PDB file of N, CA and C in Angstrom:
ATOM      1  N   MET A   1      -5.790   7.066  -7.538  1.00  0.00           N
ATOM      2  CA  MET A   1      -6.878   6.199  -7.057  1.00  0.00           C
ATOM      3  C   MET A   1      -7.216   5.156  -8.129  1.00  0.00           C
ATOM      4  N   ARG A   2      -7.123   5.558  -9.408  1.00  0.00           N
ATOM      5  CA  ARG A   2      -7.436   4.611 -10.459  1.00  0.00           C
ATOM      6  C   ARG A   2      -6.421   3.428 -10.475  1.00  0.00           C
ATOM      7  N   ASP A   3      -5.183   3.733 -10.236  1.00  0.00           N
ATOM      8  CA  ASP A   3      -4.151   2.651 -10.200  1.00  0.00           C
ATOM      9  C   ASP A   3      -4.466   1.697  -9.067  1.00  0.00           C
ATOM     10  N   LEU A   4      -4.858   2.228  -7.934  1.00  0.00           N
ATOM     11  CA  LEU A   4      -5.225   1.373  -6.780  1.00  0.00           C
ATOM     12  C   LEU A   4      -6.436   0.497  -7.142  1.00  0.00           C
ATOM     13  N   ALA A   5      -7.442   1.068  -7.755  1.00  0.00           N
ATOM     14  CA  ALA A   5      -8.606   0.315  -8.138  1.00  0.00           C
ATOM     15  C   ALA A   5      -8.246  -0.807  -9.151  1.00  0.00           C
ATOM     16  N   ASN A   6      -7.360  -0.473 -10.093  1.00  0.00           N
ATOM     17  CA  ASN A   6      -6.911  -1.494 -11.057  1.00  0.00           C
ATOM     18  C   ASN A   6      -6.145  -2.580 -10.375  1.00  0.00           C
ATOM     19  N   GLU A   7      -5.335  -2.281  -9.389  1.00  0.00           N
ATOM     20  CA  GLU A   7      -4.554  -3.264  -8.673  1.00  0.00           C
ATOM     21  C   GLU A   7      -5.432  -4.182  -7.846  1.00  0.00           C
ATOM     22  N   LEU A   8      -6.486  -3.592  -7.253  1.00  0.00           N
ATOM     23  CA  LEU A   8      -7.445  -4.412  -6.499  1.00  0.00           C
ATOM     24  C   LEU A   8      -8.211  -5.361  -7.435  1.00  0.00           C
ATOM     25  N   GLU A   9      -8.603  -4.885  -8.596  1.00  0.00           N
ATOM     26  CA  GLU A   9      -9.288  -5.772  -9.555  1.00  0.00           C
ATOM     27  C   GLU A   9      -8.350  -6.856 -10.028  1.00  0.00           C
ATOM     28  N   ALA A  10      -7.095  -6.569 -10.274  1.00  0.00           N
ATOM     29  CA  ALA A  10      -6.129  -7.571 -10.718  1.00  0.00           C
ATOM     30  C   ALA A  10      -5.907  -8.612  -9.613  1.00  0.00           C
ATOM     31  N   THR A  11      -5.856  -8.199  -8.377  1.00  0.00           N
ATOM     32  CA  THR A  11      -5.713  -9.131  -7.281  1.00  0.00           C
ATOM     33  C   THR A  11      -6.953 -10.036  -7.175  1.00  0.00           C
ATOM     34  N   PHE A  12      -8.095  -9.460  -7.329  1.00  0.00           N
ATOM     35  CA  PHE A  12      -9.342 -10.244  -7.268  1.00  0.00           C
ATOM     36  C   PHE A  12      -9.350 -11.281  -8.410  1.00  0.00           C
ATOM     37  N   LEU A  13      -8.999 -10.806  -9.642  1.00  0.00           N
ATOM     38  CA  LEU A  13      -9.023 -11.723 -10.785  1.00  0.00           C
ATOM     39  C   LEU A  13      -7.978 -12.831 -10.628  1.00  0.00           C
ATOM     40  N   ALA A  14      -6.803 -12.508 -10.064  1.00  0.00           N
ATOM     41  CA  ALA A  14      -5.776 -13.530  -9.844  1.00  0.00           C
ATOM     42  C   ALA A  14      -6.285 -14.586  -8.890  1.00  0.00           C
ATOM     43  N   GLU A  15      -7.003 -14.191  -7.871  1.00  0.00           N
ATOM     44  CA  GLU A  15      -7.567 -15.178  -6.949  1.00  0.00           C
ATOM     45  C   GLU A  15      -8.642 -16.050  -7.626  1.00  0.00           C
ATOM     46  N   MET A  16      -9.404 -15.410  -8.491  1.00  0.00           N
ATOM     47  CA  MET A  16     -10.441 -16.200  -9.231  1.00  0.00           C
ATOM     48  C   MET A  16      -9.790 -17.173 -10.190  1.00  0.00           C
ATOM     49  N   LEU A  17      -8.731 -16.707 -10.851  1.00  0.00           N
ATOM     50  CA  LEU A  17      -8.018 -17.611 -11.762  1.00  0.00           C
ATOM     51  C   LEU A  17      -7.410 -18.787 -11.025  1.00  0.00           C
ATOM     52  N   LYS A  18      -6.793 -18.516  -9.864  1.00  0.00           N
ATOM     53  CA  LYS A  18      -6.250 -19.609  -9.036  1.00  0.00           C
ATOM     54  C   LYS A  18      -7.323 -20.613  -8.624  1.00  0.00           C
ATOM     55  N   SER A  19      -8.485 -20.058  -8.236  1.00  0.00           N
ATOM     56  CA  SER A  19      -9.593 -20.950  -7.833  1.00  0.00           C
ATOM     57  C   SER A  19     -10.108 -21.783  -8.999  1.00  0.00           C
ATOM     58  N   ALA A  20      -9.974 -21.248 -10.207  1.00  0.00           N
ATOM     59  CA  ALA A  20     -10.403 -21.983 -11.414  1.00  0.00           C
ATOM     60  C   ALA A  20      -9.356 -23.021 -11.844  1.00  0.00           C
ATOM     61  N   GLY A  21      -8.192 -23.001 -11.199  1.00  0.00           N
ATOM     62  CA  GLY A  21      -7.162 -23.996 -11.491  1.00  0.00           C
ATOM     63  C   GLY A  21      -6.162 -23.483 -12.533  1.00  0.00           C
ATOM     64  N   VAL A  22      -6.170 -22.242 -12.916  1.00  0.00           N
ATOM     65  CA  VAL A  22      -5.169 -21.703 -13.860  1.00  0.00           C
ATOM     66  C   VAL A  22      -3.837 -21.671 -13.152  1.00  0.00           C
ATOM     67  N   GLY A  23      -2.814 -22.175 -13.811  1.00  0.00           N
ATOM     68  CA  GLY A  23      -1.463 -22.211 -13.219  1.00  0.00           C
ATOM     69  C   GLY A  23      -1.176 -23.464 -12.420  1.00  0.00           C
ATOM     70  N   LYS A  24      -2.176 -24.324 -12.299  1.00  0.00           N
ATOM     71  CA  LYS A  24      -1.965 -25.575 -11.576  1.00  0.00           C
ATOM     72  C   LYS A  24      -1.124 -26.544 -12.384  1.00  0.00           C
ATOM     73  N   SER A  25      -0.224 -27.258 -11.728  1.00  0.00           N
ATOM     74  CA  SER A  25       0.618 -28.227 -12.365  1.00  0.00           C
ATOM     75  C   SER A  25      -0.202 -29.317 -13.021  1.00  0.00           C
ATOM     76  N   ARG A  26       0.214 -29.698 -14.220  1.00  0.00           N
ATOM     77  CA  ARG A  26      -0.418 -30.827 -14.900  1.00  0.00           C
ATOM     78  C   ARG A  26       0.086 -32.128 -14.291  1.00  0.00           C
ATOM     79  N   GLU A  27      -0.727 -33.134 -14.366  1.00  0.00           N
ATOM     80  CA  GLU A  27      -0.334 -34.442 -13.801  1.00  0.00           C
ATOM     81  C   GLU A  27       0.799 -35.043 -14.609  1.00  0.00           C
ATOM     82  N   SER A  28       0.642 -35.093 -15.959  1.00  0.00           N
ATOM     83  CA  SER A  28       1.696 -35.752 -16.786  1.00  0.00           C
ATOM     84  C   SER A  28       2.505 -34.671 -17.507  1.00  0.00           C
ATOM     85  N   MET A  29       3.776 -34.880 -17.559  1.00  0.00           N
ATOM     86  CA  MET A  29       4.708 -34.021 -18.253  1.00  0.00           C
ATOM     87  C   MET A  29       4.611 -32.559 -17.847  1.00  0.00           C
ATOM     88  N   GLY A  30       4.451 -32.397 -16.514  1.00  0.00           N
ATOM     89  CA  GLY A  30       4.427 -31.045 -15.945  1.00  0.00           C
ATOM     90  C   GLY A  30       5.823 -30.462 -15.818  1.00  0.00           C
ATOM     91  N   GLY A  31       5.864 -29.253 -15.362  1.00  0.00           N
ATOM     92  CA  GLY A  31       7.187 -28.546 -15.271  1.00  0.00           C
ATOM     93  C   GLY A  31       7.838 -28.766 -13.895  1.00  0.00           C
ATOM     94  N   GLY A  32       7.259 -29.583 -13.041  1.00  0.00           N
ATOM     95  CA  GLY A  32       7.861 -29.917 -11.767  1.00  0.00           C
ATOM     96  C   GLY A  32       7.880 -28.742 -10.830  1.00  0.00           C
ATOM     97  N   ALA A  33       8.869 -28.734  -9.958  1.00  0.00           N
ATOM     98  CA  ALA A  33       8.932 -27.728  -8.898  1.00  0.00           C
ATOM     99  C   ALA A  33       9.045 -26.287  -9.477  1.00  0.00           C
ATOM    100  N   GLY A  34       9.716 -26.123 -10.567  1.00  0.00           N
ATOM    101  CA  GLY A  34       9.909 -24.813 -11.190  1.00  0.00           C
ATOM    102  C   GLY A  34       8.505 -24.261 -11.648  1.00  0.00           C
ATOM    103  N   GLU A  35       7.729 -25.108 -12.223  1.00  0.00           N
ATOM    104  CA  GLU A  35       6.396 -24.687 -12.692  1.00  0.00           C
ATOM    105  C   GLU A  35       5.557 -24.241 -11.518  1.00  0.00           C
ATOM    106  N   GLU A  36       5.567 -25.042 -10.458  1.00  0.00           N
ATOM    107  CA  GLU A  36       4.804 -24.720  -9.239  1.00  0.00           C
ATOM    108  C   GLU A  36       5.286 -23.411  -8.653  1.00  0.00           C
ATOM    109  N   GLN A  37       6.543 -23.156  -8.625  1.00  0.00           N
ATOM    110  CA  GLN A  37       7.078 -21.939  -7.999  1.00  0.00           C
ATOM    111  C   GLN A  37       6.718 -20.678  -8.764  1.00  0.00           C
ATOM    112  N   PHE A  38       6.697 -20.783 -10.078  1.00  0.00           N
ATOM    113  CA  PHE A  38       6.504 -19.577 -10.902  1.00  0.00           C
ATOM    114  C   PHE A  38       5.066 -19.435 -11.427  1.00  0.00           C
ATOM    115  N   SER A  39       4.186 -20.360 -11.154  1.00  0.00           N
ATOM    116  CA  SER A  39       2.829 -20.275 -11.665  1.00  0.00           C
ATOM    117  C   SER A  39       2.069 -19.038 -11.144  1.00  0.00           C
ATOM    118  N   SER A  40       2.378 -18.637  -9.903  1.00  0.00           N
ATOM    119  CA  SER A  40       1.694 -17.436  -9.355  1.00  0.00           C
ATOM    120  C   SER A  40       2.049 -16.194 -10.152  1.00  0.00           C
ATOM    121  N   PHE A  41       3.281 -16.123 -10.672  1.00  0.00           N
ATOM    122  CA  PHE A  41       3.656 -14.998 -11.517  1.00  0.00           C
ATOM    123  C   PHE A  41       2.876 -14.958 -12.812  1.00  0.00           C
ATOM    124  N   MET A  42       2.633 -16.159 -13.355  1.00  0.00           N
ATOM    125  CA  MET A  42       1.862 -16.223 -14.614  1.00  0.00           C
ATOM    126  C   MET A  42       0.422 -15.834 -14.345  1.00  0.00           C
ATOM    127  N   VAL A  43      -0.147 -16.310 -13.267  1.00  0.00           N
ATOM    128  CA  VAL A  43      -1.517 -15.959 -12.940  1.00  0.00           C
ATOM    129  C   VAL A  43      -1.659 -14.461 -12.741  1.00  0.00           C
ATOM    130  N   LYS A  44      -0.710 -13.854 -12.023  1.00  0.00           N
ATOM    131  CA  LYS A  44      -0.731 -12.390 -11.777  1.00  0.00           C
ATOM    132  C   LYS A  44      -0.605 -11.631 -13.099  1.00  0.00           C
ATOM    133  N   ALA A  45       0.286 -12.112 -13.991  1.00  0.00           N
ATOM    134  CA  ALA A  45       0.457 -11.430 -15.292  1.00  0.00           C
ATOM    135  C   ALA A  45      -0.819 -11.538 -16.108  1.00  0.00           C
ATOM    136  N   GLN A  46      -1.477 -12.693 -16.058  1.00  0.00           N
ATOM    137  CA  GLN A  46      -2.745 -12.826 -16.795  1.00  0.00           C
ATOM    138  C   GLN A  46      -3.796 -11.918 -16.231  1.00  0.00           C
ATOM    139  N   ALA A  47      -3.909 -11.803 -14.902  1.00  0.00           N
ATOM    140  CA  ALA A  47      -4.891 -10.933 -14.298  1.00  0.00           C
ATOM    141  C   ALA A  47      -4.606  -9.474 -14.641  1.00  0.00           C
ATOM    142  N   ASP A  48      -3.331  -9.036 -14.629  1.00  0.00           N
ATOM    143  CA  ASP A  48      -2.968  -7.659 -15.003  1.00  0.00           C
ATOM    144  C   ASP A  48      -3.351  -7.365 -16.437  1.00  0.00           C
ATOM    145  N   GLN A  49      -3.147  -8.351 -17.314  1.00  0.00           N
ATOM    146  CA  GLN A  49      -3.486  -8.162 -18.720  1.00  0.00           C
ATOM    147  C   GLN A  49      -5.026  -8.105 -18.898  1.00  0.00           C
ATOM    148  N   MET A  50      -5.763  -8.855 -18.135  1.00  0.00           N
ATOM    149  CA  MET A  50      -7.194  -8.783 -18.183  1.00  0.00           C
ATOM    150  C   MET A  50      -7.675  -7.396 -17.804  1.00  0.00           C
ATOM    151  N   VAL A  51      -7.088  -6.802 -16.765  1.00  0.00           N
ATOM    152  CA  VAL A  51      -7.476  -5.508 -16.330  1.00  0.00           C
ATOM    153  C   VAL A  51      -7.120  -4.442 -17.421  1.00  0.00           C
ATOM    154  N   ARG A  52      -5.964  -4.597 -18.019  1.00  0.00           N
ATOM    155  CA  ARG A  52      -5.550  -3.654 -19.087  1.00  0.00           C
ATOM    156  C   ARG A  52      -6.518  -3.768 -20.291  1.00  0.00           C
ATOM    157  N   ALA A  53      -7.100  -4.948 -20.508  1.00  0.00           N
ATOM    158  CA  ALA A  53      -8.031  -5.131 -21.603  1.00  0.00           C
ATOM    159  C   ALA A  53      -9.417  -4.718 -21.295  1.00  0.00           C
ATOM    160  N   GLY A  54      -9.685  -4.198 -20.108  1.00  0.00           N
ATOM    161  CA  GLY A  54     -11.003  -3.754 -19.722  1.00  0.00           C
ATOM    162  C   GLY A  54     -11.566  -4.428 -18.508  1.00  0.00           C
ATOM    163  N   GLY A  55     -10.988  -5.541 -18.119  1.00  0.00           N
ATOM    164  CA  GLY A  55     -11.397  -6.245 -16.922  1.00  0.00           C
ATOM    165  C   GLY A  55     -12.877  -6.594 -16.845  1.00  0.00           C
ATOM    166  N   ILE A  56     -13.397  -6.661 -15.669  1.00  0.00           N
ATOM    167  CA  ILE A  56     -14.805  -7.032 -15.486  1.00  0.00           C
ATOM    168  C   ILE A  56     -15.616  -5.866 -14.942  1.00  0.00           C
ATOM    169  N   GLY A  57     -15.011  -4.693 -14.907  1.00  0.00           N
ATOM    170  CA  GLY A  57     -15.712  -3.491 -14.444  1.00  0.00           C
ATOM    171  C   GLY A  57     -15.586  -3.194 -12.943  1.00  0.00           C
ATOM    172  N   LEU A  58     -14.909  -4.099 -12.253  1.00  0.00           N
ATOM    173  CA  LEU A  58     -14.733  -3.928 -10.833  1.00  0.00           C
ATOM    174  C   LEU A  58     -13.889  -2.668 -10.503  1.00  0.00           C
ATOM    175  N   ALA A  59     -12.813  -2.445 -11.280  1.00  0.00           N
ATOM    176  CA  ALA A  59     -11.937  -1.303 -11.036  1.00  0.00           C
ATOM    177  C   ALA A  59     -12.692  -0.004 -11.214  1.00  0.00           C
ATOM    178  N   GLU A  60     -13.512   0.064 -12.217  1.00  0.00           N
ATOM    179  CA  GLU A  60     -14.299   1.288 -12.453  1.00  0.00           C
ATOM    180  C   GLU A  60     -15.251   1.552 -11.308  1.00  0.00           C
ATOM    181  N   SER A  61     -15.905   0.546 -10.839  1.00  0.00           N
ATOM    182  CA  SER A  61     -16.842   0.686  -9.686  1.00  0.00           C
ATOM    183  C   SER A  61     -16.070   1.116  -8.428  1.00  0.00           C
ATOM    184  N   LEU A  62     -14.942   0.502  -8.185  1.00  0.00           N
ATOM    185  CA  LEU A  62     -14.122   0.896  -7.044  1.00  0.00           C
ATOM    186  C   LEU A  62     -13.639   2.327  -7.188  1.00  0.00           C
ATOM    187  N   PHE A  63     -13.191   2.708  -8.359  1.00  0.00           N
ATOM    188  CA  PHE A  63     -12.705   4.098  -8.584  1.00  0.00           C
ATOM    189  C   PHE A  63     -13.783   5.067  -8.317  1.00  0.00           C
ATOM    190  N   GLU A  64     -14.953   4.836  -8.871  1.00  0.00           N
ATOM    191  CA  GLU A  64     -16.112   5.755  -8.664  1.00  0.00           C
ATOM    192  C   GLU A  64     -16.450   5.864  -7.182  1.00  0.00           C
ATOM    193  N   SER A  65     -16.442   4.743  -6.480  1.00  0.00           N
ATOM    194  CA  SER A  65     -16.724   4.731  -5.041  1.00  0.00           C
ATOM    195  C   SER A  65     -15.661   5.506  -4.255  1.00  0.00           C
ATOM    196  N   LEU A  66     -14.405   5.258  -4.574  1.00  0.00           N
ATOM    197  CA  LEU A  66     -13.333   6.007  -3.914  1.00  0.00           C
ATOM    198  C   LEU A  66     -13.406   7.523  -4.192  1.00  0.00           C
ATOM    199  N   LYS A  67     -13.782   7.839  -5.438  1.00  0.00           N
ATOM    200  CA  LYS A  67     -13.859   9.271  -5.824  1.00  0.00           C
ATOM    201  C   LYS A  67     -14.997   9.947  -5.046  1.00  0.00           C
ATOM    202  N   GLU A  68     -16.096   9.244  -4.918  1.00  0.00           N
ATOM    203  CA  GLU A  68     -17.244   9.830  -4.161  1.00  0.00           C
ATOM    204  C   GLU A  68     -16.922   9.980  -2.641  1.00  0.00           C
ATOM    205  N   SER A  69     -16.215   9.007  -2.111  1.00  0.00           N
ATOM    206  CA  SER A  69     -15.949   9.077  -0.674  1.00  0.00           C
ATOM    207  C   SER A  69     -14.885  10.083  -0.335  1.00  0.00           C
ATOM    208  N   SER A  70     -14.100  10.543  -1.314  1.00  0.00           N
ATOM    209  CA  SER A  70     -13.049  11.504  -1.062  1.00  0.00           C
ATOM    210  C   SER A  70     -13.561  12.956  -1.156  1.00  0.00           C
ATOM    211  N   LYS A  71     -14.784  13.116  -1.547  1.00  0.00           N
ATOM    212  CA  LYS A  71     -15.357  14.466  -1.674  1.00  0.00           C
ATOM    213  C   LYS A  71     -15.710  15.032  -0.316  1.00  0.00           C
TER     214      LYS A  71
END
């Protein structure tokens, strides 16, 4: 259940990072089509690292909720 909660938090954080413009191609001297294609992998890796570093507490809240509902 904890792994699932961590994955949900990472997915949430990845969406927030995308909304903030992380991984967006730069106007000048950008990486072109390759950068655009692989930017989602970078955003996901950053979100996963954020969760491993403690995240924003969403995973812990989800885990506790899942634990309570499984009783």
